[in-house]
PDB file of all heavy atoms in Angstrom:
ATOM      1  N   ARG A   1    -174.556  62.738 132.580  1.00  0.00           N
ATOM      2  CA  ARG A   1    -174.421  61.552 131.730  1.00  0.00           C
ATOM      3  C   ARG A   1    -175.360  61.710 130.538  1.00  0.00           C
ATOM      4  O   ARG A   1    -176.507  62.109 130.676  1.00  0.00           O
ATOM      5  CB  ARG A   1    -174.744  60.289 132.527  1.00  0.00           C
ATOM      6  CG  ARG A   1    -173.763  60.040 133.657  1.00  0.00           C
ATOM      7  CD  ARG A   1    -173.964  58.686 134.323  1.00  0.00           C
ATOM      8  NE  ARG A   1    -175.338  58.466 134.699  1.00  0.00           N
ATOM      9  CZ  ARG A   1    -176.037  57.373 134.391  1.00  0.00           C
ATOM     10  NH1 ARG A   1    -175.482  56.410 133.680  1.00  0.00           N
ATOM     11  NH2 ARG A   1    -177.287  57.252 134.787  1.00  0.00           N
ATOM     12  N   LEU A   2    -174.855  61.365 129.358  1.00  0.00           N
ATOM     13  CA  LEU A   2    -175.504  61.765 128.118  1.00  0.00           C
ATOM     14  C   LEU A   2    -176.567  60.770 127.657  1.00  0.00           C
ATOM     15  O   LEU A   2    -176.296  59.572 127.506  1.00  0.00           O
ATOM     16  CB  LEU A   2    -174.444  61.912 127.027  1.00  0.00           C
ATOM     17  CG  LEU A   2    -174.829  62.647 125.743  1.00  0.00           C
ATOM     18  CD1 LEU A   2    -175.190  64.094 126.053  1.00  0.00           C
ATOM     19  CD2 LEU A   2    -173.661  62.600 124.764  1.00  0.00           C
ATOM     20  N   THR A   3    -177.772  61.277 127.421  1.00  0.00           N
ATOM     21  CA  THR A   3    -178.772  60.503 126.687  1.00  0.00           C
ATOM     22  C   THR A   3    -178.321  60.440 125.231  1.00  0.00           C
ATOM     23  O   THR A   3    -177.949  61.452 124.646  1.00  0.00           O
ATOM     24  CB  THR A   3    -180.149  61.175 126.775  1.00  0.00           C
ATOM     25  OG1 THR A   3    -180.594  61.158 128.136  1.00  0.00           O
ATOM     26  CG2 THR A   3    -181.169  60.462 125.900  1.00  0.00           C
ATOM     27  N   THR A   4    -178.361  59.247 124.637  1.00  0.00           N
ATOM     28  CA  THR A   4    -177.774  59.103 123.303  1.00  0.00           C
ATOM     29  C   THR A   4    -178.392  57.935 122.552  1.00  0.00           C
ATOM     30  O   THR A   4    -179.105  57.104 123.138  1.00  0.00           O
ATOM     31  CB  THR A   4    -176.245  58.909 123.422  1.00  0.00           C
ATOM     32  OG1 THR A   4    -175.647  58.915 122.130  1.00  0.00           O
ATOM     33  CG2 THR A   4    -175.910  57.604 124.124  1.00  0.00           C
ATOM     34  N   VAL A   5    -178.107  57.889 121.277  1.00  0.00           N
ATOM     35  CA  VAL A   5    -178.509  56.756 120.436  1.00  0.00           C
ATOM     36  C   VAL A   5    -177.316  55.819 120.343  1.00  0.00           C
ATOM     37  O   VAL A   5    -176.235  56.216 119.889  1.00  0.00           O
ATOM     38  CB  VAL A   5    -178.950  57.224 119.038  1.00  0.00           C
ATOM     39  CG1 VAL A   5    -179.276  56.017 118.162  1.00  0.00           C
ATOM     40  CG2 VAL A   5    -180.158  58.151 119.140  1.00  0.00           C
ATOM     41  N   HIS A   6    -177.514  54.601 120.779  1.00  0.00           N
ATOM     42  CA  HIS A   6    -176.430  53.616 120.766  1.00  0.00           C
ATOM     43  C   HIS A   6    -176.262  53.038 119.367  1.00  0.00           C
ATOM     44  O   HIS A   6    -177.176  52.417 118.831  1.00  0.00           O
ATOM     45  CB  HIS A   6    -176.727  52.492 121.758  1.00  0.00           C
ATOM     46  CG  HIS A   6    -175.726  51.368 121.714  1.00  0.00           C
ATOM     47  ND1 HIS A   6    -174.472  51.467 122.260  1.00  0.00           N
ATOM     48  CD2 HIS A   6    -175.795  50.126 121.163  1.00  0.00           C
ATOM     49  CE1 HIS A   6    -173.810  50.343 122.074  1.00  0.00           C
ATOM     50  NE2 HIS A   6    -174.585  49.511 121.399  1.00  0.00           N
ATOM     51  N   GLN A   7    -175.098  53.277 118.784  1.00  0.00           N
ATOM     52  CA  GLN A   7    -174.767  52.660 117.502  1.00  0.00           C
ATOM     53  C   GLN A   7    -173.938  51.408 117.793  1.00  0.00           C
ATOM     54  O   GLN A   7    -172.878  51.507 118.403  1.00  0.00           O
ATOM     55  CB  GLN A   7    -173.974  53.631 116.624  1.00  0.00           C
ATOM     56  CG  GLN A   7    -173.670  53.068 115.262  1.00  0.00           C
ATOM     57  CD  GLN A   7    -173.192  54.137 114.280  1.00  0.00           C
ATOM     58  OE1 GLN A   7    -173.555  54.093 113.127  1.00  0.00           O
ATOM     59  NE2 GLN A   7    -172.382  55.072 114.727  1.00  0.00           N
ATOM     60  N   PRO A   8    -174.384  50.232 117.362  1.00  0.00           N
ATOM     61  CA  PRO A   8    -173.734  48.977 117.777  1.00  0.00           C
ATOM     62  C   PRO A   8    -172.417  48.724 117.040  1.00  0.00           C
ATOM     63  O   PRO A   8    -172.296  47.808 116.230  1.00  0.00           O
ATOM     64  CB  PRO A   8    -174.791  47.924 117.424  1.00  0.00           C
ATOM     65  CG  PRO A   8    -175.515  48.502 116.253  1.00  0.00           C
ATOM     66  CD  PRO A   8    -175.557  49.995 116.500  1.00  0.00           C
ATOM     67  N   LEU A   9    -171.406  49.542 117.334  1.00  0.00           N
ATOM     68  CA  LEU A   9    -170.147  49.468 116.598  1.00  0.00           C
ATOM     69  C   LEU A   9    -169.470  48.102 116.740  1.00  0.00           C
ATOM     70  O   LEU A   9    -168.975  47.547 115.756  1.00  0.00           O
ATOM     71  CB  LEU A   9    -169.202  50.569 117.083  1.00  0.00           C
ATOM     72  CG  LEU A   9    -169.589  51.996 116.683  1.00  0.00           C
ATOM     73  CD1 LEU A   9    -168.718  52.998 117.420  1.00  0.00           C
ATOM     74  CD2 LEU A   9    -169.467  52.184 115.183  1.00  0.00           C
ATOM     75  N   ARG A  10    -169.424  47.583 117.957  1.00  0.00           N
ATOM     76  CA  ARG A  10    -168.752  46.296 118.139  1.00  0.00           C
ATOM     77  C   ARG A  10    -169.489  45.193 117.394  1.00  0.00           C
ATOM     78  O   ARG A  10    -168.865  44.361 116.741  1.00  0.00           O
ATOM     79  CB  ARG A  10    -168.646  45.937 119.621  1.00  0.00           C
ATOM     80  CG  ARG A  10    -167.872  44.628 119.842  1.00  0.00           C
ATOM     81  CD  ARG A  10    -167.751  44.288 121.314  1.00  0.00           C
ATOM     82  NE  ARG A  10    -166.923  45.264 121.988  1.00  0.00           N
ATOM     83  CZ  ARG A  10    -165.996  44.962 122.905  1.00  0.00           C
ATOM     84  NH1 ARG A  10    -165.785  43.703 123.216  1.00  0.00           N
ATOM     85  NH2 ARG A  10    -165.303  45.893 123.492  1.00  0.00           N
ATOM     86  N   ARG A  11    -170.805  45.197 117.487  1.00  0.00           N
ATOM     87  CA  ARG A  11    -171.566  44.167 116.769  1.00  0.00           C
ATOM     88  C   ARG A  11    -171.409  44.329 115.268  1.00  0.00           C
ATOM     89  O   ARG A  11    -171.340  43.348 114.525  1.00  0.00           O
ATOM     90  CB  ARG A  11    -173.043  44.244 117.158  1.00  0.00           C
ATOM     91  CG  ARG A  11    -173.825  43.051 116.596  1.00  0.00           C
ATOM     92  CD  ARG A  11    -175.268  43.054 117.024  1.00  0.00           C
ATOM     93  NE  ARG A  11    -176.039  42.196 116.135  1.00  0.00           N
ATOM     94  CZ  ARG A  11    -177.263  42.467 115.731  1.00  0.00           C
ATOM     95  NH1 ARG A  11    -177.867  43.576 116.107  1.00  0.00           N
ATOM     96  NH2 ARG A  11    -177.900  41.632 114.935  1.00  0.00           N
ATOM     97  N   MET A  12    -171.346  45.576 114.796  1.00  0.00           N
ATOM     98  CA  MET A  12    -171.112  45.818 113.371  1.00  0.00           C
ATOM     99  C   MET A  12    -169.773  45.198 112.954  1.00  0.00           C
ATOM    100  O   MET A  12    -169.666  44.562 111.895  1.00  0.00           O
ATOM    101  CB  MET A  12    -171.121  47.321 113.083  1.00  0.00           C
ATOM    102  CG  MET A  12    -172.498  47.947 113.171  1.00  0.00           C
ATOM    103  SD  MET A  12    -172.454  49.772 113.308  1.00  0.00           S
ATOM    104  CE  MET A  12    -171.713  50.194 111.735  1.00  0.00           C
ATOM    105  N   ALA A  13    -168.750  45.401 113.783  1.00  0.00           N
ATOM    106  CA  ALA A  13    -167.431  44.843 113.479  1.00  0.00           C
ATOM    107  C   ALA A  13    -167.464  43.323 113.497  1.00  0.00           C
ATOM    108  O   ALA A  13    -166.834  42.661 112.660  1.00  0.00           O
ATOM    109  CB  ALA A  13    -166.407  45.370 114.476  1.00  0.00           C
ATOM    110  N   GLU A  14    -168.188  42.762 114.449  1.00  0.00           N
ATOM    111  CA  GLU A  14    -168.295  41.299 114.523  1.00  0.00           C
ATOM    112  C   GLU A  14    -168.987  40.745 113.273  1.00  0.00           C
ATOM    113  O   GLU A  14    -168.521  39.746 112.692  1.00  0.00           O
ATOM    114  CB  GLU A  14    -169.071  40.908 115.787  1.00  0.00           C
ATOM    115  CG  GLU A  14    -168.333  41.207 117.079  1.00  0.00           C
ATOM    116  CD  GLU A  14    -169.204  41.025 118.304  1.00  0.00           C
ATOM    117  OE1 GLU A  14    -170.450  40.874 118.150  1.00  0.00           O
ATOM    118  OE2 GLU A  14    -168.668  41.051 119.425  1.00  0.00           O
ATOM    119  N   GLU A  15    -170.093  41.374 112.887  1.00  0.00           N
ATOM    120  CA  GLU A  15    -170.822  40.894 111.712  1.00  0.00           C
ATOM    121  C   GLU A  15    -169.998  41.062 110.436  1.00  0.00           C
ATOM    122  O   GLU A  15    -170.036  40.204 109.539  1.00  0.00           O
ATOM    123  CB  GLU A  15    -172.153  41.643 111.574  1.00  0.00           C
ATOM    124  CG  GLU A  15    -173.162  41.329 112.672  1.00  0.00           C
ATOM    125  CD  GLU A  15    -173.547  39.858 112.709  1.00  0.00           C
ATOM    126  OE1 GLU A  15    -173.594  39.221 111.634  1.00  0.00           O
ATOM    127  OE2 GLU A  15    -173.795  39.338 113.812  1.00  0.00           O
ATOM    128  N   ALA A  16    -169.239  42.154 110.345  1.00  0.00           N
ATOM    129  CA  ALA A  16    -168.373  42.349 109.184  1.00  0.00           C
ATOM    130  C   ALA A  16    -167.330  41.253 109.092  1.00  0.00           C
ATOM    131  O   ALA A  16    -167.031  40.737 108.001  1.00  0.00           O
ATOM    132  CB  ALA A  16    -167.698  43.722 109.265  1.00  0.00           C
ATOM    133  N   THR A  17    -166.774  40.863 110.235  1.00  0.00           N
ATOM    134  CA  THR A  17    -165.741  39.826 110.237  1.00  0.00           C
ATOM    135  C   THR A  17    -166.327  38.462 109.919  1.00  0.00           C
ATOM    136  O   THR A  17    -165.714  37.664 109.180  1.00  0.00           O
ATOM    137  CB  THR A  17    -165.036  39.791 111.607  1.00  0.00           C
ATOM    138  OG1 THR A  17    -164.648  41.121 111.973  1.00  0.00           O
ATOM    139  CG2 THR A  17    -163.796  38.913 111.562  1.00  0.00           C
ATOM    140  N   ARG A  18    -167.502  38.170 110.441  1.00  0.00           N
ATOM    141  CA  ARG A  18    -168.148  36.887 110.117  1.00  0.00           C
ATOM    142  C   ARG A  18    -168.451  36.798 108.625  1.00  0.00           C
ATOM    143  O   ARG A  18    -168.244  35.749 107.999  1.00  0.00           O
ATOM    144  CB  ARG A  18    -169.437  36.738 110.935  1.00  0.00           C
ATOM    145  CG  ARG A  18    -169.211  36.557 112.432  1.00  0.00           C
ATOM    146  CD  ARG A  18    -170.505  36.217 113.156  1.00  0.00           C
ATOM    147  NE  ARG A  18    -170.282  36.124 114.588  1.00  0.00           N
ATOM    148  CZ  ARG A  18    -170.618  37.080 115.458  1.00  0.00           C
ATOM    149  NH1 ARG A  18    -171.232  38.172 115.020  1.00  0.00           N
ATOM    150  NH2 ARG A  18    -170.376  36.942 116.741  1.00  0.00           N
ATOM    151  N   LEU A  19    -168.951  37.902 108.063  1.00  0.00           N
ATOM    152  CA  LEU A  19    -169.230  37.924 106.626  1.00  0.00           C
ATOM    153  C   LEU A  19    -167.947  37.717 105.842  1.00  0.00           C
ATOM    154  O   LEU A  19    -167.915  36.951 104.857  1.00  0.00           O
ATOM    155  CB  LEU A  19    -169.874  39.259 106.248  1.00  0.00           C
ATOM    156  CG  LEU A  19    -170.136  39.508 104.756  1.00  0.00           C
ATOM    157  CD1 LEU A  19    -171.038  38.421 104.181  1.00  0.00           C
ATOM    158  CD2 LEU A  19    -170.747  40.890 104.544  1.00  0.00           C
ATOM    159  N   LEU A  20    -166.877  38.350 106.266  1.00  0.00           N
ATOM    160  CA  LEU A  20    -165.586  38.219 105.591  1.00  0.00           C
ATOM    161  C   LEU A  20    -165.115  36.765 105.595  1.00  0.00           C
ATOM    162  O   LEU A  20    -164.654  36.237 104.572  1.00  0.00           O
ATOM    163  CB  LEU A  20    -164.558  39.111 106.279  1.00  0.00           C
ATOM    164  CG  LEU A  20    -163.184  39.206 105.621  1.00  0.00           C
ATOM    165  CD1 LEU A  20    -163.251  40.080 104.390  1.00  0.00           C
ATOM    166  CD2 LEU A  20    -162.166  39.766 106.604  1.00  0.00           C
ATOM    167  N   LEU A  21    -165.243  36.106 106.742  1.00  0.00           N
ATOM    168  CA  LEU A  21    -164.782  34.724 106.849  1.00  0.00           C
ATOM    169  C   LEU A  21    -165.636  33.786 105.996  1.00  0.00           C
ATOM    170  O   LEU A  21    -165.125  32.813 105.429  1.00  0.00           O
ATOM    171  CB  LEU A  21    -164.787  34.280 108.318  1.00  0.00           C
ATOM    172  CG  LEU A  21    -163.737  34.973 109.207  1.00  0.00           C
ATOM    173  CD1 LEU A  21    -163.944  34.580 110.668  1.00  0.00           C
ATOM    174  CD2 LEU A  21    -162.321  34.600 108.753  1.00  0.00           C
ATOM    175  N   ARG A  22    -166.937  34.084 105.904  1.00  0.00           N
ATOM    176  CA  ARG A  22    -167.779  33.263 105.030  1.00  0.00           C
ATOM    177  C   ARG A  22    -167.365  33.442 103.571  1.00  0.00           C
ATOM    178  O   ARG A  22    -167.322  32.471 102.801  1.00  0.00           O
ATOM    179  CB  ARG A  22    -169.257  33.623 105.222  1.00  0.00           C
ATOM    180  CG  ARG A  22    -169.820  33.247 106.580  1.00  0.00           C
ATOM    181  CD  ARG A  22    -171.342  33.233 106.574  1.00  0.00           C
ATOM    182  NE  ARG A  22    -171.908  34.546 106.288  1.00  0.00           N
ATOM    183  CZ  ARG A  22    -172.194  35.456 107.206  1.00  0.00           C
ATOM    184  NH1 ARG A  22    -171.943  35.205 108.490  1.00  0.00           N
ATOM    185  NH2 ARG A  22    -172.733  36.618 106.860  1.00  0.00           N
ATOM    186  N   MET A  23    -167.084  34.679 103.197  1.00  0.00           N
ATOM    187  CA  MET A  23    -166.621  34.936 101.835  1.00  0.00           C
ATOM    188  C   MET A  23    -165.287  34.254 101.589  1.00  0.00           C
ATOM    189  O   MET A  23    -165.033  33.709 100.508  1.00  0.00           O
ATOM    190  CB  MET A  23    -166.514  36.445 101.598  1.00  0.00           C
ATOM    191  CG  MET A  23    -167.864  37.164 101.618  1.00  0.00           C
ATOM    192  SD  MET A  23    -167.701  38.962 101.722  1.00  0.00           S
ATOM    193  CE  MET A  23    -166.819  39.324 100.203  1.00  0.00           C
ATOM    194  N   ARG A  24    -164.420  34.266 102.589  1.00  0.00           N
ATOM    195  CA  ARG A  24    -163.120  33.593 102.485  1.00  0.00           C
ATOM    196  C   ARG A  24    -163.309  32.092 102.245  1.00  0.00           C
ATOM    197  O   ARG A  24    -162.533  31.451 101.535  1.00  0.00           O
ATOM    198  CB  ARG A  24    -162.324  33.836 103.772  1.00  0.00           C
ATOM    199  CG  ARG A  24    -161.105  32.959 103.975  1.00  0.00           C
ATOM    200  CD  ARG A  24    -160.038  33.232 102.962  1.00  0.00           C
ATOM    201  NE  ARG A  24    -158.849  32.445 103.237  1.00  0.00           N
ATOM    202  CZ  ARG A  24    -157.893  32.196 102.358  1.00  0.00           C
ATOM    203  NH1 ARG A  24    -158.002  32.668 101.127  1.00  0.00           N
ATOM    204  NH2 ARG A  24    -156.840  31.491 102.681  1.00  0.00           N
ATOM    205  N   GLY A  25    -164.376  31.548 102.811  1.00  0.00           N
ATOM    206  CA  GLY A  25    -164.666  30.136 102.628  1.00  0.00           C
ATOM    207  C   GLY A  25    -165.376  29.824 101.319  1.00  0.00           C
ATOM    208  O   GLY A  25    -165.755  28.680 101.087  1.00  0.00           O
ATOM    209  N   GLY A  26    -165.585  30.847 100.491  1.00  0.00           N
ATOM    210  CA  GLY A  26    -166.191  30.624  99.181  1.00  0.00           C
ATOM    211  C   GLY A  26    -167.669  30.917  99.101  1.00  0.00           C
ATOM    212  O   GLY A  26    -168.284  30.753  98.040  1.00  0.00           O
ATOM    213  N   GLU A  27    -168.263  31.387 100.201  1.00  0.00           N
ATOM    214  CA  GLU A  27    -169.694  31.667 100.200  1.00  0.00           C
ATOM    215  C   GLU A  27    -169.978  33.013  99.553  1.00  0.00           C
ATOM    216  O   GLU A  27    -169.308  34.011  99.840  1.00  0.00           O
ATOM    217  CB  GLU A  27    -170.218  31.668 101.638  1.00  0.00           C
ATOM    218  CG  GLU A  27    -171.702  31.969 101.765  1.00  0.00           C
ATOM    219  CD  GLU A  27    -172.171  31.968 103.206  1.00  0.00           C
ATOM    220  OE1 GLU A  27    -171.640  31.166 104.003  1.00  0.00           O
ATOM    221  OE2 GLU A  27    -173.064  32.772 103.529  1.00  0.00           O
ATOM    222  N   GLU A  28    -170.974  33.064  98.691  1.00  0.00           N
ATOM    223  CA  GLU A  28    -171.432  34.322  98.118  1.00  0.00           C
ATOM    224  C   GLU A  28    -172.459  34.936  99.062  1.00  0.00           C
ATOM    225  O   GLU A  28    -173.434  34.277  99.429  1.00  0.00           O
ATOM    226  CB  GLU A  28    -172.067  34.088  96.741  1.00  0.00           C
ATOM    227  CG  GLU A  28    -171.082  33.720  95.653  1.00  0.00           C
ATOM    228  CD  GLU A  28    -170.157  34.871  95.299  1.00  0.00           C
ATOM    229  OE1 GLU A  28    -170.590  36.031  95.437  1.00  0.00           O
ATOM    230  OE2 GLU A  28    -169.013  34.611  94.899  1.00  0.00           O
ATOM    231  N   PRO A  29    -172.265  36.186  99.498  1.00  0.00           N
ATOM    232  CA  PRO A  29    -173.217  36.780 100.451  1.00  0.00           C
ATOM    233  C   PRO A  29    -174.605  36.902  99.843  1.00  0.00           C
ATOM    234  O   PRO A  29    -174.768  37.282  98.681  1.00  0.00           O
ATOM    235  CB  PRO A  29    -172.613  38.155 100.747  1.00  0.00           C
ATOM    236  CG  PRO A  29    -171.699  38.451  99.597  1.00  0.00           C
ATOM    237  CD  PRO A  29    -171.190  37.120  99.124  1.00  0.00           C
ATOM    238  N   ALA A  30    -175.626  36.563 100.657  1.00  0.00           N
ATOM    239  CA  ALA A  30    -177.010  36.657 100.187  1.00  0.00           C
ATOM    240  C   ALA A  30    -177.412  38.102  99.945  1.00  0.00           C
ATOM    241  O   ALA A  30    -178.219  38.400  99.081  1.00  0.00           O
ATOM    242  CB  ALA A  30    -177.949  36.016 101.212  1.00  0.00           C
ATOM    243  N   THR A  31    -176.832  39.011 100.715  1.00  0.00           N
ATOM    244  CA  THR A  31    -177.067  40.439 100.526  1.00  0.00           C
ATOM    245  C   THR A  31    -175.762  41.165 100.729  1.00  0.00           C
ATOM    246  O   THR A  31    -174.911  40.717 101.504  1.00  0.00           O
ATOM    247  CB  THR A  31    -178.132  40.966 101.520  1.00  0.00           C
ATOM    248  OG1 THR A  31    -178.317  42.371 101.308  1.00  0.00           O
ATOM    249  CG2 THR A  31    -177.701  40.744 102.953  1.00  0.00           C
ATOM    250  N   THR A  32    -175.573  42.270 100.022  1.00  0.00           N
ATOM    251  CA  THR A  32    -174.319  43.003 100.129  1.00  0.00           C
ATOM    252  C   THR A  32    -174.378  44.099 101.186  1.00  0.00           C
ATOM    253  O   THR A  32    -173.373  44.723 101.485  1.00  0.00           O
ATOM    254  CB  THR A  32    -173.938  43.646  98.781  1.00  0.00           C
ATOM    255  OG1 THR A  32    -175.004  44.504  98.354  1.00  0.00           O
ATOM    256  CG2 THR A  32    -173.672  42.581  97.740  1.00  0.00           C
ATOM    257  N   ARG A  33    -175.559  44.340 101.765  1.00  0.00           N
ATOM    258  CA  ARG A  33    -175.687  45.416 102.738  1.00  0.00           C
ATOM    259  C   ARG A  33    -176.540  44.962 103.904  1.00  0.00           C
ATOM    260  O   ARG A  33    -177.667  44.489 103.728  1.00  0.00           O
ATOM    261  CB  ARG A  33    -176.320  46.647 102.093  1.00  0.00           C
ATOM    262  CG  ARG A  33    -176.591  47.799 103.045  1.00  0.00           C
ATOM    263  CD  ARG A  33    -175.322  48.509 103.466  1.00  0.00           C
ATOM    264  NE  ARG A  33    -175.596  49.583 104.408  1.00  0.00           N
ATOM    265  CZ  ARG A  33    -174.688  50.450 104.822  1.00  0.00           C
ATOM    266  NH1 ARG A  33    -173.450  50.377 104.373  1.00  0.00           N
ATOM    267  NH2 ARG A  33    -174.990  51.395 105.688  1.00  0.00           N
ATOM    268  N   ILE A  34    -176.013  45.094 105.132  1.00  0.00           N
ATOM    269  CA  ILE A  34    -176.753  44.780 106.342  1.00  0.00           C
ATOM    270  C   ILE A  34    -176.703  46.000 107.248  1.00  0.00           C
ATOM    271  O   ILE A  34    -175.624  46.498 107.581  1.00  0.00           O
ATOM    272  CB  ILE A  34    -176.145  43.568 107.078  1.00  0.00           C
ATOM    273  CG1 ILE A  34    -176.155  42.330 106.180  1.00  0.00           C
ATOM    274  CG2 ILE A  34    -176.893  43.292 108.378  1.00  0.00           C
ATOM    275  CD1 ILE A  34    -175.406  41.139 106.772  1.00  0.00           C
ATOM    276  N   ASP A  35    -177.880  46.513 107.645  1.00  0.00           N
ATOM    277  CA  ASP A  35    -177.964  47.643 108.568  1.00  0.00           C
ATOM    278  C   ASP A  35    -178.494  47.148 109.910  1.00  0.00           C
ATOM    279  O   ASP A  35    -179.591  46.573 109.974  1.00  0.00           O
ATOM    280  CB  ASP A  35    -178.889  48.731 108.015  1.00  0.00           C
ATOM    281  CG  ASP A  35    -178.217  49.563 106.936  1.00  0.00           C
ATOM    282  OD1 ASP A  35    -177.005  49.795 107.050  1.00  0.00           O
ATOM    283  OD2 ASP A  35    -178.901  49.967 105.977  1.00  0.00           O
ATOM    284  N   LEU A  36    -177.735  47.391 110.966  1.00  0.00           N
ATOM    285  CA  LEU A  36    -178.142  46.983 112.302  1.00  0.00           C
ATOM    286  C   LEU A  36    -178.930  48.111 112.967  1.00  0.00           C
ATOM    287  O   LEU A  36    -178.683  49.293 112.730  1.00  0.00           O
ATOM    288  CB  LEU A  36    -176.915  46.631 113.143  1.00  0.00           C
ATOM    289  CG  LEU A  36    -176.016  45.535 112.557  1.00  0.00           C
ATOM    290  CD1 LEU A  36    -174.859  45.238 113.494  1.00  0.00           C
ATOM    291  CD2 LEU A  36    -176.811  44.266 112.274  1.00  0.00           C
ATOM    292  N   ALA A  37    -179.863  47.736 113.827  1.00  0.00           N
ATOM    293  CA  ALA A  37    -180.755  48.721 114.444  1.00  0.00           C
ATOM    294  C   ALA A  37    -180.083  49.417 115.622  1.00  0.00           C
ATOM    295  O   ALA A  37    -179.479  48.758 116.477  1.00  0.00           O
ATOM    296  CB  ALA A  37    -182.034  48.037 114.914  1.00  0.00           C
ATOM    297  N   PRO A  38    -180.187  50.755 115.695  1.00  0.00           N
ATOM    298  CA  PRO A  38    -179.700  51.472 116.875  1.00  0.00           C
ATOM    299  C   PRO A  38    -180.748  51.420 117.989  1.00  0.00           C
ATOM    300  O   PRO A  38    -181.904  51.038 117.765  1.00  0.00           O
ATOM    301  CB  PRO A  38    -179.540  52.900 116.357  1.00  0.00           C
ATOM    302  CG  PRO A  38    -180.611  53.030 115.316  1.00  0.00           C
ATOM    303  CD  PRO A  38    -180.745  51.664 114.680  1.00  0.00           C
ATOM    304  N   THR A  39    -180.347  51.803 119.192  1.00  0.00           N
ATOM    305  CA  THR A  39    -181.262  51.838 120.332  1.00  0.00           C
ATOM    306  C   THR A  39    -181.047  53.136 121.105  1.00  0.00           C
ATOM    307  O   THR A  39    -179.954  53.708 121.089  1.00  0.00           O
ATOM    308  CB  THR A  39    -181.050  50.642 121.282  1.00  0.00           C
ATOM    309  OG1 THR A  39    -179.665  50.593 121.669  1.00  0.00           O
ATOM    310  CG2 THR A  39    -181.428  49.329 120.612  1.00  0.00           C
ATOM    311  N   LEU A  40    -182.068  53.590 121.774  1.00  0.00           N
ATOM    312  CA  LEU A  40    -181.983  54.807 122.573  1.00  0.00           C
ATOM    313  C   LEU A  40    -181.538  54.461 123.988  1.00  0.00           C
ATOM    314  O   LEU A  40    -182.065  53.538 124.611  1.00  0.00           O
ATOM    315  CB  LEU A  40    -183.339  55.517 122.615  1.00  0.00           C
ATOM    316  CG  LEU A  40    -183.388  56.823 123.413  1.00  0.00           C
ATOM    317  CD1 LEU A  40    -182.623  57.917 122.672  1.00  0.00           C
ATOM    318  CD2 LEU A  40    -184.838  57.243 123.654  1.00  0.00           C
ATOM    319  N   VAL A  41    -180.571  55.200 124.506  1.00  0.00           N
ATOM    320  CA  VAL A  41    -180.096  55.043 125.884  1.00  0.00           C
ATOM    321  C   VAL A  41    -180.409  56.336 126.626  1.00  0.00           C
ATOM    322  O   VAL A  41    -179.813  57.385 126.352  1.00  0.00           O
ATOM    323  CB  VAL A  41    -178.578  54.756 125.923  1.00  0.00           C
ATOM    324  CG1 VAL A  41    -178.116  54.580 127.361  1.00  0.00           C
ATOM    325  CG2 VAL A  41    -178.240  53.528 125.099  1.00  0.00           C
ATOM    326  N   VAL A  42    -181.346  56.277 127.560  1.00  0.00           N
ATOM    327  CA  VAL A  42    -181.786  57.468 128.290  1.00  0.00           C
ATOM    328  C   VAL A  42    -180.956  57.608 129.560  1.00  0.00           C
ATOM    329  O   VAL A  42    -180.914  56.702 130.389  1.00  0.00           O
ATOM    330  CB  VAL A  42    -183.282  57.401 128.622  1.00  0.00           C
ATOM    331  CG1 VAL A  42    -183.711  58.643 129.401  1.00  0.00           C
ATOM    332  CG2 VAL A  42    -184.109  57.264 127.348  1.00  0.00           C
ATOM    333  N   ARG A  43    -180.314  58.785 129.705  1.00  0.00           N
ATOM    334  CA  ARG A  43    -179.522  59.055 130.915  1.00  0.00           C
ATOM    335  C   ARG A  43    -179.994  60.385 131.529  1.00  0.00           C
ATOM    336  O   ARG A  43    -181.185  60.540 131.787  1.00  0.00           O
ATOM    337  CB  ARG A  43    -178.030  59.034 130.575  1.00  0.00           C
ATOM    338  CG  ARG A  43    -177.537  57.665 130.104  1.00  0.00           C
ATOM    339  CD  ARG A  43    -176.010  57.607 130.066  1.00  0.00           C
ATOM    340  NE  ARG A  43    -175.523  56.286 129.642  1.00  0.00           N
ATOM    341  CZ  ARG A  43    -175.028  56.020 128.435  1.00  0.00           C
ATOM    342  NH1 ARG A  43    -174.953  56.984 127.517  1.00  0.00           N
ATOM    343  NH2 ARG A  43    -174.614  54.805 128.129  1.00  0.00           N
ATOM    344  N   GLU A  44    -179.066  61.327 131.729  1.00  0.00           N
ATOM    345  CA  GLU A  44    -179.396  62.502 132.539  1.00  0.00           C
ATOM    346  C   GLU A  44    -179.471  63.812 131.764  1.00  0.00           C
ATOM    347  O   GLU A  44    -179.790  64.850 132.355  1.00  0.00           O
ATOM    348  CB  GLU A  44    -178.343  62.662 133.650  1.00  0.00           C
ATOM    349  CG  GLU A  44    -178.280  61.476 134.601  1.00  0.00           C
ATOM    350  CD  GLU A  44    -177.038  61.515 135.486  1.00  0.00           C
ATOM    351  OE1 GLU A  44    -176.151  62.370 135.235  1.00  0.00           O
ATOM    352  OE2 GLU A  44    -176.952  60.705 136.427  1.00  0.00           O
ATOM    353  N   SER A  45    -179.194  63.813 130.460  1.00  0.00           N
ATOM    354  CA  SER A  45    -179.127  65.088 129.723  1.00  0.00           C
ATOM    355  C   SER A  45    -180.444  65.497 129.091  1.00  0.00           C
ATOM    356  O   SER A  45    -180.499  66.493 128.377  1.00  0.00           O
ATOM    357  CB  SER A  45    -178.036  65.010 128.645  1.00  0.00           C
ATOM    358  OG  SER A  45    -178.376  64.060 127.649  1.00  0.00           O
TER     359      SER A  45
END
């Protein structure tokens, strides 16, 4: 089982969709770029 860096793809997709819906509602985004933090997952490799 692989030790790896977890990239939060699902959360990234969720945040992208929330931002999209806010923009759809007329809100101007406070920032145009949001970077989510990765985490280390230690397994057997």
